[in-house]
N, C-alpha and C. Protein backbone atom coordinates (compact mmCIF):
# COMPACT_ATOMS: atom_id res chain seq x y z
N MET A 1 166.15 112.02 61.12
CA MET A 1 165.02 111.68 60.71
C MET A 1 164.14 112.77 60.68
N SER A 2 163.47 112.96 59.47
CA SER A 2 162.56 114.18 59.48
C SER A 2 161.38 113.68 59.92
N SER A 3 160.37 114.68 60.19
CA SER A 3 159.15 114.61 60.78
C SER A 3 158.57 113.67 59.82
N GLY A 4 158.44 114.01 58.32
CA GLY A 4 157.68 113.20 57.27
C GLY A 4 158.11 111.86 57.26
N GLN A 5 159.42 111.60 57.42
CA GLN A 5 159.93 110.02 57.47
C GLN A 5 159.36 109.48 58.95
N HIS A 6 159.45 110.31 59.92
CA HIS A 6 158.95 109.48 60.94
C HIS A 6 157.39 109.31 61.13
N SER A 7 156.63 110.08 60.37
CA SER A 7 155.14 109.73 60.38
C SER A 7 154.78 108.64 59.38
N ALA A 8 155.72 108.50 58.38
CA ALA A 8 155.60 107.48 57.55
C ALA A 8 155.90 106.08 58.15
N LEU A 9 156.94 106.06 58.91
CA LEU A 9 157.43 104.91 59.75
C LEU A 9 156.26 104.52 60.70
N VAL A 10 155.59 105.57 61.37
CA VAL A 10 154.65 105.20 62.25
C VAL A 10 153.44 104.69 61.73
N GLU A 11 153.19 105.16 60.51
CA GLU A 11 151.89 104.58 59.84
C GLU A 11 152.27 103.28 59.40
N LEU A 12 153.58 102.89 59.03
CA LEU A 12 153.58 101.39 58.41
C LEU A 12 153.71 100.43 59.59
N SER A 13 154.28 101.02 60.86
CA SER A 13 154.19 100.12 61.86
C SER A 13 152.80 100.03 62.47
N SER A 14 151.95 100.94 62.51
CA SER A 14 150.74 100.89 62.86
C SER A 14 149.88 99.72 61.99
N LEU A 15 150.05 99.86 60.50
CA LEU A 15 149.52 99.30 59.55
C LEU A 15 149.75 97.70 59.95
N HIS A 16 151.13 97.26 60.18
CA HIS A 16 151.59 96.10 60.40
C HIS A 16 151.07 95.51 61.72
N GLY A 17 150.65 96.25 62.58
CA GLY A 17 150.15 95.93 63.82
C GLY A 17 148.83 95.27 64.02
N TRP A 18 147.97 95.47 62.90
CA TRP A 18 146.76 94.74 62.84
C TRP A 18 146.64 93.52 61.94
N VAL A 19 147.92 93.36 61.02
CA VAL A 19 147.73 92.40 60.22
C VAL A 19 147.85 91.01 60.68
N GLY A 20 148.59 90.76 61.80
CA GLY A 20 148.92 89.39 62.54
C GLY A 20 147.71 89.01 63.19
N PRO A 21 146.95 89.90 64.07
CA PRO A 21 145.80 89.67 64.67
C PRO A 21 144.72 89.13 63.78
N ALA A 22 144.60 89.97 62.82
CA ALA A 22 143.47 89.94 61.71
C ALA A 22 143.57 88.45 61.00
N ALA A 23 144.97 88.03 60.75
CA ALA A 23 145.18 86.92 60.10
C ALA A 23 145.05 85.59 61.07
N ILE A 24 145.10 85.80 62.19
CA ILE A 24 144.62 84.68 63.38
C ILE A 24 143.23 84.54 63.50
N VAL A 25 142.56 85.95 63.45
CA VAL A 25 141.05 85.79 63.58
C VAL A 25 140.36 85.27 62.40
N ALA A 26 141.09 85.30 61.06
CA ALA A 26 140.54 84.89 59.97
C ALA A 26 140.81 83.48 60.05
N GLY A 27 141.87 83.21 60.43
CA GLY A 27 142.15 81.44 60.61
C GLY A 27 141.30 80.83 61.45
N VAL A 28 140.92 81.44 62.56
CA VAL A 28 140.08 80.93 63.62
C VAL A 28 138.55 80.57 62.81
N LEU A 29 138.28 81.65 62.31
CA LEU A 29 136.86 81.77 61.41
C LEU A 29 136.89 80.75 60.33
N LEU A 30 137.80 80.49 59.52
CA LEU A 30 138.04 79.30 58.61
C LEU A 30 137.79 77.96 59.39
N LEU A 31 138.71 77.74 60.54
CA LEU A 31 138.49 76.67 61.07
C LEU A 31 137.42 76.30 61.57
N ILE A 32 136.27 77.33 62.34
CA ILE A 32 135.25 77.02 62.85
C ILE A 32 134.14 76.68 61.41
N VAL A 33 134.28 77.38 60.48
CA VAL A 33 133.35 76.91 59.33
C VAL A 33 133.92 75.62 58.64
N ALA A 34 135.10 75.27 58.65
CA ALA A 34 135.46 74.04 58.11
C ALA A 34 134.90 72.83 59.18
N LEU A 35 135.07 73.13 60.54
CA LEU A 35 134.47 72.16 61.23
C LEU A 35 133.11 71.84 61.20
N PHE A 36 132.18 73.06 61.10
CA PHE A 36 130.76 72.90 61.06
C PHE A 36 130.57 72.37 59.75
N ARG A 37 131.31 72.58 58.80
CA ARG A 37 130.77 71.84 57.34
C ARG A 37 131.04 70.39 57.47
N ARG A 38 132.35 70.03 58.31
CA ARG A 38 132.39 68.83 58.31
C ARG A 38 131.63 67.85 59.07
N THR A 39 131.03 68.56 60.09
CA THR A 39 130.01 67.96 60.91
C THR A 39 128.70 67.75 60.17
N ARG A 40 128.26 68.58 59.32
CA ARG A 40 127.00 68.60 58.73
C ARG A 40 127.31 67.50 57.65
N ALA A 41 128.21 67.32 57.06
CA ALA A 41 128.64 66.37 56.15
C ALA A 41 128.39 64.96 56.59
N THR A 42 129.16 64.69 57.67
CA THR A 42 129.09 63.52 58.57
C THR A 42 127.77 63.05 59.01
N LEU A 43 126.91 64.00 59.51
CA LEU A 43 125.63 63.82 59.76
C LEU A 43 124.83 63.59 58.54
N ALA A 44 124.85 64.19 57.58
CA ALA A 44 124.20 63.65 56.20
C ALA A 44 124.57 62.48 55.76
N LYS A 45 125.82 62.03 55.99
CA LYS A 45 126.26 60.82 55.58
C LYS A 45 125.67 59.64 56.35
N LYS A 46 125.54 60.13 57.65
CA LYS A 46 124.82 58.94 58.58
C LYS A 46 123.59 58.75 58.40
N ARG A 47 122.92 59.88 58.01
CA ARG A 47 121.38 59.95 57.77
C ARG A 47 121.15 59.28 56.44
N ARG A 48 122.15 59.38 55.25
CA ARG A 48 121.94 58.76 54.15
C ARG A 48 122.11 57.02 54.42
N ALA A 49 122.98 56.83 55.08
CA ALA A 49 123.26 55.41 55.47
C ALA A 49 122.14 54.65 56.28
N THR A 50 121.44 55.37 57.21
CA THR A 50 120.36 54.83 57.85
C THR A 50 119.00 54.59 56.99
N ARG A 51 118.63 55.97 56.53
CA ARG A 51 117.48 56.08 55.69
C ARG A 51 117.79 56.68 54.48
N PRO A 52 117.82 56.07 53.41
CA PRO A 52 118.31 56.76 52.14
C PRO A 52 117.22 57.72 51.56
N SER A 53 115.88 57.23 51.93
CA SER A 53 114.87 58.23 51.25
C SER A 53 114.56 59.38 52.26
N ALA A 54 115.02 59.42 53.46
CA ALA A 54 115.01 60.46 54.41
C ALA A 54 116.12 61.72 53.89
N ALA A 55 117.03 61.28 53.21
CA ALA A 55 118.15 62.28 52.70
C ALA A 55 117.62 63.16 51.61
N GLU A 56 116.63 62.77 50.92
CA GLU A 56 115.90 63.49 49.62
C GLU A 56 114.82 64.37 50.00
N TRP A 57 114.77 65.15 51.30
CA TRP A 57 113.77 65.63 51.64
C TRP A 57 113.67 67.09 51.03
N TRP A 58 114.46 67.64 50.48
CA TRP A 58 114.75 69.02 49.72
C TRP A 58 114.48 68.64 48.52
């Protein structure tokens, strides 16, 4: 294996070294955002059910 091939192989392996952890972090962030939006929607739904006029404050 020449030094050029070796450096190309090292670059590719280091490139793929961060893809997995980045995908996990992105998935966790999306999960947090989804749970946050679901919680807000549930609270808004409860607020509308209790006092329909209070939901139209904006």
